[in-house]
Amino acid sequence: MTNDFEVEFTPDADAQGRIAYIKPTDSEEAHRLGIIPAGIELPPGMKLYVLHGVDGRVLGYTDAYASAYGAAVQNDLTPVSLH
């Protein structure tokens, strides 16, 4: 799976300590969030790791926690896990 990270920063995001949340997400939630387009099916039980900004925006997603964590760190964000 290709990682998809498009991180954009606004002054508000920078002012809030540059925290990013990593949340495990199933395919139903990914479709609801609009991360995965309608008509695209993921394997049953597949888990994505979605990187969210403090304001809840989706910054990117991947199929591996380590990739989400690495993307946060590479973009000067402090990653925090959500369960």
C-alpha atoms as a PDB file:
ATOM      1  CA  MET A   1       0.000   0.000   0.000  1.00  0.00           C
ATOM      2  CA  THR A   2       1.246   3.468  -0.822  1.00  0.00           C
ATOM      3  CA  ASN A   3       1.440   5.926   2.033  1.00  0.00           C
ATOM      4  CA  ASP A   4      -0.563   9.089   1.481  1.00  0.00           C
ATOM      5  CA  PHE A   5       0.613  12.081   3.473  1.00  0.00           C
ATOM      6  CA  GLU A   6      -0.160  15.611   2.445  1.00  0.00           C
ATOM      7  CA  VAL A   7       0.735  17.669   5.474  1.00  0.00           C
ATOM      8  CA  GLU A   8      -0.125  21.345   5.330  1.00  0.00           C
ATOM      9  CA  PHE A   9       0.397  23.681   8.241  1.00  0.00           C
ATOM     10  CA  THR A  10      -1.517  26.764   9.230  1.00  0.00           C
ATOM     11  CA  PRO A  11      -0.498  29.335  11.848  1.00  0.00           C
ATOM     12  CA  ASP A  12      -3.156  27.912  14.194  1.00  0.00           C
ATOM     13  CA  ALA A  13      -1.699  24.399  13.942  1.00  0.00           C
ATOM     14  CA  ASP A  14       1.782  25.741  14.631  1.00  0.00           C
ATOM     15  CA  ALA A  15       0.571  27.686  17.661  1.00  0.00           C
ATOM     16  CA  GLN A  16      -0.960  24.573  19.246  1.00  0.00           C
ATOM     17  CA  GLY A  17       2.326  22.763  19.840  1.00  0.00           C
ATOM     18  CA  ARG A  18       2.323  20.914  16.514  1.00  0.00           C
ATOM     19  CA  ILE A  19       0.707  17.807  17.939  1.00  0.00           C
ATOM     20  CA  ALA A  20      -0.653  15.122  15.620  1.00  0.00           C
ATOM     21  CA  TYR A  21      -2.843  12.214  16.598  1.00  0.00           C
ATOM     22  CA  ILE A  22      -2.433   8.727  15.165  1.00  0.00           C
ATOM     23  CA  LYS A  23      -5.708   6.844  15.189  1.00  0.00           C
ATOM     24  CA  PRO A  24      -6.227   3.255  14.043  1.00  0.00           C
ATOM     25  CA  THR A  25      -9.182   3.242  11.660  1.00  0.00           C
ATOM     26  CA  ASP A  26     -11.109   0.448   9.981  1.00  0.00           C
ATOM     27  CA  SER A  27     -12.292   0.546   6.376  1.00  0.00           C
ATOM     28  CA  GLU A  28     -15.833   1.702   7.257  1.00  0.00           C
ATOM     29  CA  GLU A  29     -14.496   4.720   9.142  1.00  0.00           C
ATOM     30  CA  ALA A  30     -11.996   5.443   6.353  1.00  0.00           C
ATOM     31  CA  HIS A  31     -14.869   5.566   3.850  1.00  0.00           C
ATOM     32  CA  ARG A  32     -16.915   7.775   6.198  1.00  0.00           C
ATOM     33  CA  LEU A  33     -14.014  10.218   6.557  1.00  0.00           C
ATOM     34  CA  GLY A  34     -13.601  10.317   2.779  1.00  0.00           C
ATOM     35  CA  ILE A  35     -10.073   8.920   2.970  1.00  0.00           C
ATOM     36  CA  ILE A  36     -10.948   5.982   0.751  1.00  0.00           C
ATOM     37  CA  PRO A  37     -13.184   6.885  -2.213  1.00  0.00           C
ATOM     38  CA  ALA A  38     -16.548   5.177  -2.686  1.00  0.00           C
ATOM     39  CA  GLY A  39     -16.263   2.031  -4.758  1.00  0.00           C
ATOM     40  CA  ILE A  40     -12.784   1.185  -3.467  1.00  0.00           C
ATOM     41  CA  GLU A  41     -12.887  -1.871  -1.239  1.00  0.00           C
ATOM     42  CA  LEU A  42     -10.199  -2.752   1.262  1.00  0.00           C
ATOM     43  CA  PRO A  43      -9.490  -6.299   2.438  1.00  0.00           C
ATOM     44  CA  PRO A  44     -11.729  -7.356   5.349  1.00  0.00           C
ATOM     45  CA  GLY A  45     -10.243  -6.408   8.702  1.00  0.00           C
ATOM     46  CA  MET A  46      -7.640  -4.072   7.224  1.00  0.00           C
ATOM     47  CA  LYS A  47      -6.575  -1.352   9.589  1.00  0.00           C
ATOM     48  CA  LEU A  48      -5.313   2.053   8.521  1.00  0.00           C
ATOM     49  CA  TYR A  49      -3.439   4.508  10.697  1.00  0.00           C
ATOM     50  CA  VAL A  50      -4.716   8.020  10.155  1.00  0.00           C
ATOM     51  CA  LEU A  51      -2.681  11.058  11.131  1.00  0.00           C
ATOM     52  CA  HIS A  52      -4.946  13.871  12.354  1.00  0.00           C
ATOM     53  CA  GLY A  53      -4.066  17.466  13.158  1.00  0.00           C
ATOM     54  CA  VAL A  54      -5.120  19.051  16.449  1.00  0.00           C
ATOM     55  CA  ASP A  55      -8.159  20.493  14.676  1.00  0.00           C
ATOM     56  CA  GLY A  56      -9.249  17.016  13.501  1.00  0.00           C
ATOM     57  CA  ARG A  57      -8.138  17.423   9.882  1.00  0.00           C
ATOM     58  CA  VAL A  58      -6.850  14.290   8.215  1.00  0.00           C
ATOM     59  CA  LEU A  59      -3.200  14.927   7.398  1.00  0.00           C
ATOM     60  CA  GLY A  60      -2.509  11.514   5.906  1.00  0.00           C
ATOM     61  CA  TYR A  61      -2.890   7.780   6.271  1.00  0.00           C
ATOM     62  CA  THR A  62      -0.960   4.557   5.911  1.00  0.00           C
ATOM     63  CA  ASP A  63      -1.309   0.870   6.677  1.00  0.00           C
ATOM     64  CA  ALA A  64       1.533   0.878   9.242  1.00  0.00           C
ATOM     65  CA  TYR A  65       1.746   2.675  12.576  1.00  0.00           C
ATOM     66  CA  ALA A  66       5.494   3.197  12.163  1.00  0.00           C
ATOM     67  CA  SER A  67       4.928   5.031   8.867  1.00  0.00           C
ATOM     68  CA  ALA A  68       2.359   7.356  10.438  1.00  0.00           C
ATOM     69  CA  TYR A  69       4.685   8.009  13.373  1.00  0.00           C
ATOM     70  CA  GLY A  70       7.622   8.651  11.052  1.00  0.00           C
ATOM     71  CA  ALA A  71       5.621  11.050   8.877  1.00  0.00           C
ATOM     72  CA  ALA A  72       4.630  13.044  11.962  1.00  0.00           C
ATOM     73  CA  VAL A  73       8.214  13.291  13.199  1.00  0.00           C
ATOM     74  CA  GLN A  74       9.571  14.171   9.735  1.00  0.00           C
ATOM     75  CA  ASN A  75       7.101  17.064   9.619  1.00  0.00           C
ATOM     76  CA  ASP A  76       8.112  18.381  13.055  1.00  0.00           C
ATOM     77  CA  LEU A  77       4.939  17.137  14.718  1.00  0.00           C
ATOM     78  CA  THR A  78       4.713  15.392  18.070  1.00  0.00           C
ATOM     79  CA  PRO A  79       2.757  12.155  17.480  1.00  0.00           C
ATOM     80  CA  VAL A  80       0.242  10.999  20.071  1.00  0.00           C
ATOM     81  CA  SER A  81      -1.650   7.699  19.783  1.00  0.00           C
ATOM     82  CA  LEU A  82      -5.439   7.529  20.021  1.00  0.00           C
ATOM     83  CA  HIS A  83      -7.194   4.251  20.675  1.00  0.00           C
END
